[in-house]
Amino acid sequence: MAAAAKSSFLLDVKPWGDETDMDKLEEAVRNVNMEGLTWARLAPVEYGVKKLQIMVTVVNDLVSVHGLIEDHLCAAPMDEYVQSCDVSFNPIYVAGNFSSHAAGGGGED
């Protein structure tokens, strides 16, 4: 089975202001559904900063991070809540079949 190249990143979603309903913002973000996109946990935000920090994992061949942000998170109707998004990347490599490595102690794919 071929390996799937994935990227995991922390997405900072900045609201328009301090009156933005952050629960509705998070709900709207999590409602973005694309093949190859997985929303993960929320990251804690300190010092009273109001922004949504959420971990995301994408299959690189299926999801463009630029497209996710420009076409989904910063476009109508999401732009009612979202002012901008910042991304911190952490590329990861996921092999298609872990069991062969565990059973045979195989090398790199």
PDB file of N, CA and C in Angstrom:
ATOM      1  N   MET A   1       0.839  -1.172   0.000  1.00  0.00           N
ATOM      2  CA  MET A   1       0.000   0.000   0.000  1.00  0.00           C
ATOM      3  C   MET A   1       0.888   1.241   0.000  1.00  0.00           C
ATOM      4  N   ALA A   2       0.557   2.212  -0.802  1.00  0.00           N
ATOM      5  CA  ALA A   2       1.351   3.430  -0.911  1.00  0.00           C
ATOM      6  C   ALA A   2       1.198   4.294   0.343  1.00  0.00           C
ATOM      7  N   ALA A   3       2.254   5.013   0.665  1.00  0.00           N
ATOM      8  CA  ALA A   3       2.242   5.903   1.813  1.00  0.00           C
ATOM      9  C   ALA A   3       1.425   7.151   1.505  1.00  0.00           C
ATOM     10  N   ALA A   4       0.798   7.686   2.523  1.00  0.00           N
ATOM     11  CA  ALA A   4       0.016   8.912   2.382  1.00  0.00           C
ATOM     12  C   ALA A   4       0.784  10.053   3.027  1.00  0.00           C
ATOM     13  N   ALA A   5       1.146  11.047   2.239  1.00  0.00           N
ATOM     14  CA  ALA A   5       1.833  12.218   2.784  1.00  0.00           C
ATOM     15  C   ALA A   5       0.793  13.106   3.437  1.00  0.00           C
ATOM     16  N   LYS A   6       1.041  13.421   4.702  1.00  0.00           N
ATOM     17  CA  LYS A   6       0.119  14.250   5.462  1.00  0.00           C
ATOM     18  C   LYS A   6       0.866  15.402   6.100  1.00  0.00           C
ATOM     19  N   SER A   7       0.122  16.435   6.414  1.00  0.00           N
ATOM     20  CA  SER A   7       0.656  17.554   7.179  1.00  0.00           C
ATOM     21  C   SER A   7      -0.268  17.808   8.347  1.00  0.00           C
ATOM     22  N   SER A   8       0.328  18.082   9.480  1.00  0.00           N
ATOM     23  CA  SER A   8      -0.418  18.456  10.664  1.00  0.00           C
ATOM     24  C   SER A   8      -0.029  19.887  10.980  1.00  0.00           C
ATOM     25  N   PHE A   9      -0.997  20.708  11.302  1.00  0.00           N
ATOM     26  CA  PHE A   9      -0.663  22.089  11.612  1.00  0.00           C
ATOM     27  C   PHE A   9      -1.601  22.677  12.638  1.00  0.00           C
ATOM     28  N   LEU A  10      -1.117  23.721  13.286  1.00  0.00           N
ATOM     29  CA  LEU A  10      -1.905  24.482  14.238  1.00  0.00           C
ATOM     30  C   LEU A  10      -2.463  25.672  13.489  1.00  0.00           C
ATOM     31  N   LEU A  11      -3.762  25.819  13.529  1.00  0.00           N
ATOM     32  CA  LEU A  11      -4.436  26.895  12.827  1.00  0.00           C
ATOM     33  C   LEU A  11      -4.932  27.903  13.854  1.00  0.00           C
ATOM     34  N   ASP A  12      -4.480  29.149  13.734  1.00  0.00           N
ATOM     35  CA  ASP A  12      -4.970  30.245  14.561  1.00  0.00           C
ATOM     36  C   ASP A  12      -6.050  30.968  13.782  1.00  0.00           C
ATOM     37  N   VAL A  13      -7.281  30.887  14.252  1.00  0.00           N
ATOM     38  CA  VAL A  13      -8.411  31.540  13.598  1.00  0.00           C
ATOM     39  C   VAL A  13      -8.742  32.776  14.418  1.00  0.00           C
ATOM     40  N   LYS A  14      -8.530  33.944  13.816  1.00  0.00           N
ATOM     41  CA  LYS A  14      -8.735  35.207  14.534  1.00  0.00           C
ATOM     42  C   LYS A  14     -10.129  35.759  14.252  1.00  0.00           C
ATOM     43  N   PRO A  15     -10.881  36.051  15.331  1.00  0.00           N
ATOM     44  CA  PRO A  15     -12.219  36.613  15.155  1.00  0.00           C
ATOM     45  C   PRO A  15     -12.151  38.091  14.803  1.00  0.00           C
ATOM     46  N   TRP A  16     -13.289  38.633  14.375  1.00  0.00           N
ATOM     47  CA  TRP A  16     -13.355  40.055  14.025  1.00  0.00           C
ATOM     48  C   TRP A  16     -13.214  40.953  15.233  1.00  0.00           C
ATOM     49  N   GLY A  17     -13.662  40.507  16.370  1.00  0.00           N
ATOM     50  CA  GLY A  17     -13.567  41.368  17.552  1.00  0.00           C
ATOM     51  C   GLY A  17     -13.887  40.612  18.816  1.00  0.00           C
ATOM     52  N   ASP A  18     -13.853  41.330  19.927  1.00  0.00           N
ATOM     53  CA  ASP A  18     -14.053  40.682  21.216  1.00  0.00           C
ATOM     54  C   ASP A  18     -15.507  40.309  21.467  1.00  0.00           C
ATOM     55  N   GLU A  19     -16.411  40.733  20.604  1.00  0.00           N
ATOM     56  CA  GLU A  19     -17.821  40.374  20.747  1.00  0.00           C
ATOM     57  C   GLU A  19     -18.205  39.188  19.862  1.00  0.00           C
ATOM     58  N   THR A  20     -17.266  38.657  19.091  1.00  0.00           N
ATOM     59  CA  THR A  20     -17.539  37.498  18.251  1.00  0.00           C
ATOM     60  C   THR A  20     -17.860  36.301  19.135  1.00  0.00           C
ATOM     61  N   ASP A  21     -18.917  35.588  18.826  1.00  0.00           N
ATOM     62  CA  ASP A  21     -19.308  34.395  19.571  1.00  0.00           C
ATOM     63  C   ASP A  21     -18.333  33.268  19.217  1.00  0.00           C
ATOM     64  N   MET A  22     -17.435  32.952  20.143  1.00  0.00           N
ATOM     65  CA  MET A  22     -16.376  31.978  19.877  1.00  0.00           C
ATOM     66  C   MET A  22     -16.922  30.556  19.746  1.00  0.00           C
ATOM     67  N   ASP A  23     -18.025  30.246  20.407  1.00  0.00           N
ATOM     68  CA  ASP A  23     -18.633  28.919  20.252  1.00  0.00           C
ATOM     69  C   ASP A  23     -19.166  28.752  18.835  1.00  0.00           C
ATOM     70  N   LYS A  24     -19.790  29.797  18.305  1.00  0.00           N
ATOM     71  CA  LYS A  24     -20.293  29.738  16.931  1.00  0.00           C
ATOM     72  C   LYS A  24     -19.137  29.697  15.937  1.00  0.00           C
ATOM     73  N   LEU A  25     -18.059  30.410  16.250  1.00  0.00           N
ATOM     74  CA  LEU A  25     -16.870  30.381  15.395  1.00  0.00           C
ATOM     75  C   LEU A  25     -16.312  28.969  15.318  1.00  0.00           C
ATOM     76  N   GLU A  26     -16.137  28.322  16.477  1.00  0.00           N
ATOM     77  CA  GLU A  26     -15.616  26.951  16.488  1.00  0.00           C
ATOM     78  C   GLU A  26     -16.554  26.001  15.748  1.00  0.00           C
ATOM     79  N   GLU A  27     -17.854  26.129  15.974  1.00  0.00           N
ATOM     80  CA  GLU A  27     -18.823  25.272  15.291  1.00  0.00           C
ATOM     81  C   GLU A  27     -18.726  25.445  13.770  1.00  0.00           C
ATOM     82  N   ALA A  28     -18.611  26.684  13.321  1.00  0.00           N
ATOM     83  CA  ALA A  28     -18.509  26.948  11.883  1.00  0.00           C
ATOM     84  C   ALA A  28     -17.239  26.336  11.306  1.00  0.00           C
ATOM     85  N   VAL A  29     -16.125  26.463  12.016  1.00  0.00           N
ATOM     86  CA  VAL A  29     -14.855  25.898  11.548  1.00  0.00           C
ATOM     87  C   VAL A  29     -14.957  24.379  11.472  1.00  0.00           C
ATOM     88  N   ARG A  30     -15.453  23.752  12.510  1.00  0.00           N
ATOM     89  CA  ARG A  30     -15.560  22.287  12.535  1.00  0.00           C
ATOM     90  C   ARG A  30     -16.559  21.754  11.501  1.00  0.00           C
ATOM     91  N   ASN A  31     -17.467  22.588  11.044  1.00  0.00           N
ATOM     92  CA  ASN A  31     -18.439  22.168  10.029  1.00  0.00           C
ATOM     93  C   ASN A  31     -17.851  22.157   8.627  1.00  0.00           C
ATOM     94  N   VAL A  32     -16.637  22.683   8.444  1.00  0.00           N
ATOM     95  CA  VAL A  32     -15.974  22.573   7.143  1.00  0.00           C
ATOM     96  C   VAL A  32     -15.592  21.110   6.980  1.00  0.00           C
ATOM     97  N   ASN A  33     -16.092  20.483   5.930  1.00  0.00           N
ATOM     98  CA  ASN A  33     -15.901  19.048   5.712  1.00  0.00           C
ATOM     99  C   ASN A  33     -15.339  18.840   4.313  1.00  0.00           C
ATOM    100  N   MET A  34     -14.141  18.284   4.234  1.00  0.00           N
ATOM    101  CA  MET A  34     -13.482  17.997   2.961  1.00  0.00           C
ATOM    102  C   MET A  34     -12.822  16.631   3.060  1.00  0.00           C
ATOM    103  N   GLU A  35     -12.783  15.892   1.957  1.00  0.00           N
ATOM    104  CA  GLU A  35     -12.057  14.635   1.949  1.00  0.00           C
ATOM    105  C   GLU A  35     -10.586  14.905   2.253  1.00  0.00           C
ATOM    106  N   GLY A  36     -10.026  14.160   3.195  1.00  0.00           N
ATOM    107  CA  GLY A  36      -8.625  14.320   3.556  1.00  0.00           C
ATOM    108  C   GLY A  36      -8.387  15.338   4.659  1.00  0.00           C
ATOM    109  N   LEU A  37      -9.436  15.870   5.264  1.00  0.00           N
ATOM    110  CA  LEU A  37      -9.321  16.894   6.312  1.00  0.00           C
ATOM    111  C   LEU A  37      -9.827  16.327   7.620  1.00  0.00           C
ATOM    112  N   THR A  38      -9.032  16.460   8.687  1.00  0.00           N
ATOM    113  CA  THR A  38      -9.432  16.002  10.008  1.00  0.00           C
ATOM    114  C   THR A  38      -9.186  17.115  11.018  1.00  0.00           C
ATOM    115  N   TRP A  39     -10.249  17.552  11.662  1.00  0.00           N
ATOM    116  CA  TRP A  39     -10.111  18.523  12.748  1.00  0.00           C
ATOM    117  C   TRP A  39      -9.758  17.761  14.007  1.00  0.00           C
ATOM    118  N   ALA A  40      -8.864  18.289  14.790  1.00  0.00           N
ATOM    119  CA  ALA A  40      -8.442  17.616  16.015  1.00  0.00           C
ATOM    120  C   ALA A  40      -8.797  18.488  17.218  1.00  0.00           C
ATOM    121  N   ARG A  41      -7.960  18.462  18.198  1.00  0.00           N
ATOM    122  CA  ARG A  41      -8.230  19.138  19.471  1.00  0.00           C
ATOM    123  C   ARG A  41      -8.058  20.651  19.378  1.00  0.00           C
ATOM    124  N   LEU A  42      -8.650  21.313  20.344  1.00  0.00           N
ATOM    125  CA  LEU A  42      -8.415  22.742  20.505  1.00  0.00           C
ATOM    126  C   LEU A  42      -7.147  22.921  21.320  1.00  0.00           C
ATOM    127  N   ALA A  43      -6.376  23.928  20.996  1.00  0.00           N
ATOM    128  CA  ALA A  43      -5.182  24.251  21.769  1.00  0.00           C
ATOM    129  C   ALA A  43      -5.547  25.338  22.782  1.00  0.00           C
ATOM    130  N   PRO A  44      -4.993  25.271  23.988  1.00  0.00           N
ATOM    131  CA  PRO A  44      -5.308  26.307  24.974  1.00  0.00           C
ATOM    132  C   PRO A  44      -4.719  27.651  24.551  1.00  0.00           C
ATOM    133  N   VAL A  45      -5.437  28.703  24.859  1.00  0.00           N
ATOM    134  CA  VAL A  45      -4.963  30.062  24.571  1.00  0.00           C
ATOM    135  C   VAL A  45      -4.804  30.765  25.911  1.00  0.00           C
ATOM    136  N   GLU A  46      -3.672  31.427  26.093  1.00  0.00           N
ATOM    137  CA  GLU A  46      -3.359  32.049  27.378  1.00  0.00           C
ATOM    138  C   GLU A  46      -3.537  33.562  27.333  1.00  0.00           C
ATOM    139  N   TYR A  47      -3.497  34.154  28.503  1.00  0.00           N
ATOM    140  CA  TYR A  47      -3.496  35.600  28.674  1.00  0.00           C
ATOM    141  C   TYR A  47      -4.759  36.266  28.135  1.00  0.00           C
ATOM    142  N   GLY A  48      -5.887  35.558  28.138  1.00  0.00           N
ATOM    143  CA  GLY A  48      -7.144  36.152  27.718  1.00  0.00           C
ATOM    144  C   GLY A  48      -7.239  36.453  26.231  1.00  0.00           C
ATOM    145  N   VAL A  49      -6.326  35.904  25.441  1.00  0.00           N
ATOM    146  CA  VAL A  49      -6.350  36.122  24.000  1.00  0.00           C
ATOM    147  C   VAL A  49      -7.582  35.437  23.434  1.00  0.00           C
ATOM    148  N   LYS A  50      -8.307  36.143  22.569  1.00  0.00           N
ATOM    149  CA  LYS A  50      -9.487  35.563  21.945  1.00  0.00           C
ATOM    150  C   LYS A  50      -9.171  35.163  20.529  1.00  0.00           C
ATOM    151  N   LYS A  51      -8.920  33.880  20.352  1.00  0.00           N
ATOM    152  CA  LYS A  51      -8.755  33.293  19.029  1.00  0.00           C
ATOM    153  C   LYS A  51      -8.977  31.803  19.184  1.00  0.00           C
ATOM    154  N   LEU A  52      -9.310  31.166  18.108  1.00  0.00           N
ATOM    155  CA  LEU A  52      -9.498  29.724  18.109  1.00  0.00           C
ATOM    156  C   LEU A  52      -8.208  29.101  17.622  1.00  0.00           C
ATOM    157  N   GLN A  53      -7.598  28.245  18.442  1.00  0.00           N
ATOM    158  CA  GLN A  53      -6.432  27.484  18.024  1.00  0.00           C
ATOM    159  C   GLN A  53      -6.867  26.033  17.936  1.00  0.00           C
ATOM    160  N   ILE A  54      -6.729  25.449  16.744  1.00  0.00           N
ATOM    161  CA  ILE A  54      -7.208  24.098  16.522  1.00  0.00           C
ATOM    162  C   ILE A  54      -6.210  23.331  15.668  1.00  0.00           C
ATOM    163  N   MET A  55      -5.952  22.074  16.049  1.00  0.00           N
ATOM    164  CA  MET A  55      -5.055  21.215  15.289  1.00  0.00           C
ATOM    165  C   MET A  55      -5.806  20.625  14.103  1.00  0.00           C
ATOM    166  N   VAL A  56      -5.120  20.548  12.978  1.00  0.00           N
ATOM    167  CA  VAL A  56      -5.702  20.041  11.741  1.00  0.00           C
ATOM    168  C   VAL A  56      -4.701  19.072  11.110  1.00  0.00           C
ATOM    169  N   THR A  57      -5.205  17.980  10.539  1.00  0.00           N
ATOM    170  CA  THR A  57      -4.378  17.075   9.752  1.00  0.00           C
ATOM    171  C   THR A  57      -5.013  16.951   8.384  1.00  0.00           C
ATOM    172  N   VAL A  58      -4.193  17.084   7.342  1.00  0.00           N
ATOM    173  CA  VAL A  58      -4.696  16.982   5.973  1.00  0.00           C
ATOM    174  C   VAL A  58      -3.873  15.967   5.194  1.00  0.00           C
ATOM    175  N   VAL A  59      -4.517  15.308   4.251  1.00  0.00           N
ATOM    176  CA  VAL A  59      -3.825  14.487   3.270  1.00  0.00           C
ATOM    177  C   VAL A  59      -3.394  15.458   2.180  1.00  0.00           C
ATOM    178  N   ASN A  60      -2.098  15.591   1.966  1.00  0.00           N
ATOM    179  CA  ASN A  60      -1.559  16.630   1.085  1.00  0.00           C
ATOM    180  C   ASN A  60      -2.102  16.575  -0.335  1.00  0.00           C
ATOM    181  N   ASP A  61      -2.329  15.371  -0.863  1.00  0.00           N
ATOM    182  CA  ASP A  61      -2.835  15.246  -2.228  1.00  0.00           C
ATOM    183  C   ASP A  61      -4.301  15.628  -2.359  1.00  0.00           C
ATOM    184  N   LEU A  62      -5.013  15.732  -1.228  1.00  0.00           N
ATOM    185  CA  LEU A  62      -6.441  16.001  -1.270  1.00  0.00           C
ATOM    186  C   LEU A  62      -6.824  17.407  -0.816  1.00  0.00           C
ATOM    187  N   VAL A  63      -6.034  17.996   0.076  1.00  0.00           N
ATOM    188  CA  VAL A  63      -6.405  19.280   0.665  1.00  0.00           C
ATOM    189  C   VAL A  63      -5.276  20.289   0.498  1.00  0.00           C
ATOM    190  N   SER A  64      -5.609  21.415  -0.088  1.00  0.00           N
ATOM    191  CA  SER A  64      -4.695  22.554  -0.164  1.00  0.00           C
ATOM    192  C   SER A  64      -4.970  23.441   1.048  1.00  0.00           C
ATOM    193  N   VAL A  65      -3.945  23.693   1.856  1.00  0.00           N
ATOM    194  CA  VAL A  65      -4.122  24.527   3.038  1.00  0.00           C
ATOM    195  C   VAL A  65      -4.551  25.937   2.623  1.00  0.00           C
ATOM    196  N   HIS A  66      -3.943  26.459   1.566  1.00  0.00           N
ATOM    197  CA  HIS A  66      -4.325  27.779   1.056  1.00  0.00           C
ATOM    198  C   HIS A  66      -5.803  27.773   0.654  1.00  0.00           C
ATOM    199  N   GLY A  67      -6.235  26.732  -0.046  1.00  0.00           N
ATOM    200  CA  GLY A  67      -7.636  26.626  -0.449  1.00  0.00           C
ATOM    201  C   GLY A  67      -8.567  26.500   0.744  1.00  0.00           C
ATOM    202  N   LEU A  68      -8.166  25.725   1.744  1.00  0.00           N
ATOM    203  CA  LEU A  68      -8.964  25.581   2.951  1.00  0.00           C
ATOM    204  C   LEU A  68      -9.209  26.947   3.586  1.00  0.00           C
ATOM    205  N   ILE A  69      -8.143  27.720   3.711  1.00  0.00           N
ATOM    206  CA  ILE A  69      -8.263  29.029   4.359  1.00  0.00           C
ATOM    207  C   ILE A  69      -9.028  30.015   3.481  1.00  0.00           C
ATOM    208  N   GLU A  70      -8.603  30.177   2.236  1.00  0.00           N
ATOM    209  CA  GLU A  70      -9.199  31.192   1.363  1.00  0.00           C
ATOM    210  C   GLU A  70     -10.621  30.850   0.921  1.00  0.00           C
ATOM    211  N   ASP A  71     -10.869  29.579   0.584  1.00  0.00           N
ATOM    212  CA  ASP A  71     -12.160  29.186   0.018  1.00  0.00           C
ATOM    213  C   ASP A  71     -13.198  28.777   1.059  1.00  0.00           C
ATOM    214  N   HIS A  72     -12.743  28.429   2.262  1.00  0.00           N
ATOM    215  CA  HIS A  72     -13.685  27.930   3.261  1.00  0.00           C
ATOM    216  C   HIS A  72     -13.710  28.763   4.536  1.00  0.00           C
ATOM    217  N   LEU A  73     -12.547  29.038   5.126  1.00  0.00           N
ATOM    218  CA  LEU A  73     -12.527  29.688   6.429  1.00  0.00           C
ATOM    219  C   LEU A  73     -12.641  31.210   6.370  1.00  0.00           C
ATOM    220  N   CYS A  74     -12.156  31.826   5.299  1.00  0.00           N
ATOM    221  CA  CYS A  74     -12.195  33.295   5.195  1.00  0.00           C
ATOM    222  C   CYS A  74     -13.191  33.767   4.137  1.00  0.00           C
ATOM    223  N   ALA A  75     -14.043  32.884   3.658  1.00  0.00           N
ATOM    224  CA  ALA A  75     -15.047  33.226   2.649  1.00  0.00           C
ATOM    225  C   ALA A  75     -16.431  33.249   3.296  1.00  0.00           C
ATOM    226  N   ALA A  76     -17.381  33.870   2.632  1.00  0.00           N
ATOM    227  CA  ALA A  76     -18.751  33.925   3.133  1.00  0.00           C
ATOM    228  C   ALA A  76     -19.299  32.501   3.254  1.00  0.00           C
ATOM    229  N   PRO A  77     -20.056  32.162   4.242  1.00  0.00           N
ATOM    230  CA  PRO A  77     -20.531  33.009   5.335  1.00  0.00           C
ATOM    231  C   PRO A  77     -19.593  33.034   6.543  1.00  0.00           C
ATOM    232  N   MET A  78     -18.472  32.296   6.476  1.00  0.00           N
ATOM    233  CA  MET A  78     -17.535  32.248   7.603  1.00  0.00           C
ATOM    234  C   MET A  78     -16.911  33.611   7.907  1.00  0.00           C
ATOM    235  N   ASP A  79     -16.807  34.463   6.902  1.00  0.00           N
ATOM    236  CA  ASP A  79     -16.159  35.755   7.130  1.00  0.00           C
ATOM    237  C   ASP A  79     -16.952  36.639   8.084  1.00  0.00           C
ATOM    238  N   GLU A  80     -18.143  36.192   8.450  1.00  0.00           N
ATOM    239  CA  GLU A  80     -18.907  36.890   9.488  1.00  0.00           C
ATOM    240  C   GLU A  80     -18.197  36.772  10.835  1.00  0.00           C
ATOM    241  N   TYR A  81     -17.495  35.648  11.042  1.00  0.00           N
ATOM    242  CA  TYR A  81     -16.788  35.382  12.292  1.00  0.00           C
ATOM    243  C   TYR A  81     -15.279  35.542  12.165  1.00  0.00           C
ATOM    244  N   VAL A  82     -14.721  35.134  11.019  1.00  0.00           N
ATOM    245  CA  VAL A  82     -13.273  34.999  10.870  1.00  0.00           C
ATOM    246  C   VAL A  82     -12.675  36.233  10.192  1.00  0.00           C
ATOM    247  N   GLN A  83     -11.698  36.839  10.862  1.00  0.00           N
ATOM    248  CA  GLN A  83     -10.953  37.952  10.274  1.00  0.00           C
ATOM    249  C   GLN A  83      -9.796  37.421   9.442  1.00  0.00           C
ATOM    250  N   SER A  84      -9.022  36.467  10.012  1.00  0.00           N
ATOM    251  CA  SER A  84      -7.873  35.902   9.312  1.00  0.00           C
ATOM    252  C   SER A  84      -7.461  34.601   9.975  1.00  0.00           C
ATOM    253  N   CYS A  85      -6.575  33.872   9.301  1.00  0.00           N
ATOM    254  CA  CYS A  85      -6.043  32.611   9.825  1.00  0.00           C
ATOM    255  C   CYS A  85      -4.529  32.592   9.646  1.00  0.00           C
ATOM    256  N   ASP A  86      -3.834  32.103  10.649  1.00  0.00           N
ATOM    257  CA  ASP A  86      -2.393  31.875  10.583  1.00  0.00           C
ATOM    258  C   ASP A  86      -2.145  30.386  10.750  1.00  0.00           C
ATOM    259  N   VAL A  87      -1.085  29.886  10.111  1.00  0.00           N
ATOM    260  CA  VAL A  87      -0.796  28.461  10.113  1.00  0.00           C
ATOM    261  C   VAL A  87       0.632  28.213  10.581  1.00  0.00           C
ATOM    262  N   SER A  88       0.798  27.230  11.464  1.00  0.00           N
ATOM    263  CA  SER A  88       2.116  26.720  11.856  1.00  0.00           C
ATOM    264  C   SER A  88       2.174  25.269  11.405  1.00  0.00           C
ATOM    265  N   PHE A  89       3.045  24.965  10.423  1.00  0.00           N
ATOM    266  CA  PHE A  89       3.112  23.625   9.832  1.00  0.00           C
ATOM    267  C   PHE A  89       3.993  22.684  10.622  1.00  0.00           C
ATOM    268  N   ASN A  90       3.643  21.402  10.548  1.00  0.00           N
ATOM    269  CA  ASN A  90       4.425  20.321  11.122  1.00  0.00           C
ATOM    270  C   ASN A  90       4.232  19.110  10.218  1.00  0.00           C
ATOM    271  N   PRO A  91       5.004  19.004   9.102  1.00  0.00           N
ATOM    272  CA  PRO A  91       4.798  17.889   8.181  1.00  0.00           C
ATOM    273  C   PRO A  91       5.058  16.537   8.858  1.00  0.00           C
ATOM    274  N   ILE A  92       4.228  15.548   8.524  1.00  0.00           N
ATOM    275  CA  ILE A  92       4.385  14.209   9.066  1.00  0.00           C
ATOM    276  C   ILE A  92       4.329  13.216   7.924  1.00  0.00           C
ATOM    277  N   TYR A  93       4.860  12.041   8.147  1.00  0.00           N
ATOM    278  CA  TYR A  93       4.835  10.974   7.147  1.00  0.00           C
ATOM    279  C   TYR A  93       4.112   9.792   7.765  1.00  0.00           C
ATOM    280  N   VAL A  94       3.117   9.316   7.074  1.00  0.00           N
ATOM    281  CA  VAL A  94       2.348   8.180   7.572  1.00  0.00           C
ATOM    282  C   VAL A  94       2.445   7.065   6.555  1.00  0.00           C
ATOM    283  N   ALA A  95       2.986   5.930   6.974  1.00  0.00           N
ATOM    284  CA  ALA A  95       3.077   4.773   6.077  1.00  0.00           C
ATOM    285  C   ALA A  95       1.702   4.148   5.929  1.00  0.00           C
ATOM    286  N   GLY A  96       1.460   3.554   4.783  1.00  0.00           N
ATOM    287  CA  GLY A  96       0.162   2.968   4.504  1.00  0.00           C
ATOM    288  C   GLY A  96      -0.113   1.701   5.282  1.00  0.00           C
ATOM    289  N   ASN A  97       0.920   0.965   5.707  1.00  0.00           N
ATOM    290  CA  ASN A  97       0.691  -0.302   6.386  1.00  0.00           C
ATOM    291  C   ASN A  97       1.702  -0.449   7.515  1.00  0.00           C
ATOM    292  N   PHE A  98       1.277  -0.175   8.726  1.00  0.00           N
ATOM    293  CA  PHE A  98       2.176  -0.255   9.868  1.00  0.00           C
ATOM    294  C   PHE A  98       2.452  -1.691  10.291  1.00  0.00           C
ATOM    295  N   SER A  99       1.526  -2.588  10.026  1.00  0.00           N
ATOM    296  CA  SER A  99       1.673  -3.954  10.529  1.00  0.00           C
ATOM    297  C   SER A  99       2.896  -4.651   9.938  1.00  0.00           C
ATOM    298  N   SER A 100       3.263  -4.365   8.698  1.00  0.00           N
ATOM    299  CA  SER A 100       4.424  -5.033   8.109  1.00  0.00           C
ATOM    300  C   SER A 100       5.717  -4.604   8.802  1.00  0.00           C
ATOM    301  N   HIS A 101       5.765  -3.370   9.276  1.00  0.00           N
ATOM    302  CA  HIS A 101       6.949  -2.908   9.998  1.00  0.00           C
ATOM    303  C   HIS A 101       7.032  -3.563  11.361  1.00  0.00           C
ATOM    304  N   ALA A 102       5.870  -3.667  12.034  1.00  0.00           N
ATOM    305  CA  ALA A 102       5.849  -4.247  13.370  1.00  0.00           C
ATOM    306  C   ALA A 102       6.188  -5.731  13.330  1.00  0.00           C
ATOM    307  N   ALA A 103       5.657  -6.437  12.339  1.00  0.00           N
ATOM    308  CA  ALA A 103       5.859  -7.889  12.277  1.00  0.00           C
ATOM    309  C   ALA A 103       7.248  -8.258  11.778  1.00  0.00           C
ATOM    310  N   GLY A 104       7.726  -7.530  10.769  1.00  0.00           N
ATOM    311  CA  GLY A 104       8.980  -7.932  10.160  1.00  0.00           C
ATOM    312  C   GLY A 104      10.147  -7.049  10.475  1.00  0.00           C
ATOM    313  N   GLY A 105       9.902  -5.979  11.238  1.00  0.00           N
ATOM    314  CA  GLY A 105      10.989  -5.067  11.547  1.00  0.00           C
ATOM    315  C   GLY A 105      11.578  -4.443  10.318  1.00  0.00           C
ATOM    316  N   GLY A 106      10.747  -4.223   9.285  1.00  0.00           N
ATOM    317  CA  GLY A 106      11.209  -3.707   7.992  1.00  0.00           C
ATOM    318  C   GLY A 106      11.838  -2.341   8.072  1.00  0.00           C
ATOM    319  N   GLY A 107      12.501  -1.977   7.006  1.00  0.00           N
ATOM    320  CA  GLY A 107      13.174  -0.688   6.924  1.00  0.00           C
ATOM    321  C   GLY A 107      12.244   0.397   6.439  1.00  0.00           C
ATOM    322  N   GLU A 108      12.836   1.470   5.978  1.00  0.00           N
ATOM    323  CA  GLU A 108      12.088   2.621   5.493  1.00  0.00           C
ATOM    324  C   GLU A 108      11.382   2.279   4.197  1.00  0.00           C
ATOM    325  N   ASP A 109      10.230   2.929   3.951  1.00  0.00           N
ATOM    326  CA  ASP A 109       9.506   2.758   2.687  1.00  0.00           C
ATOM    327  C   ASP A 109      10.178   3.564   1.603  1.00  0.00           C
TER     328      ASP A 109
END
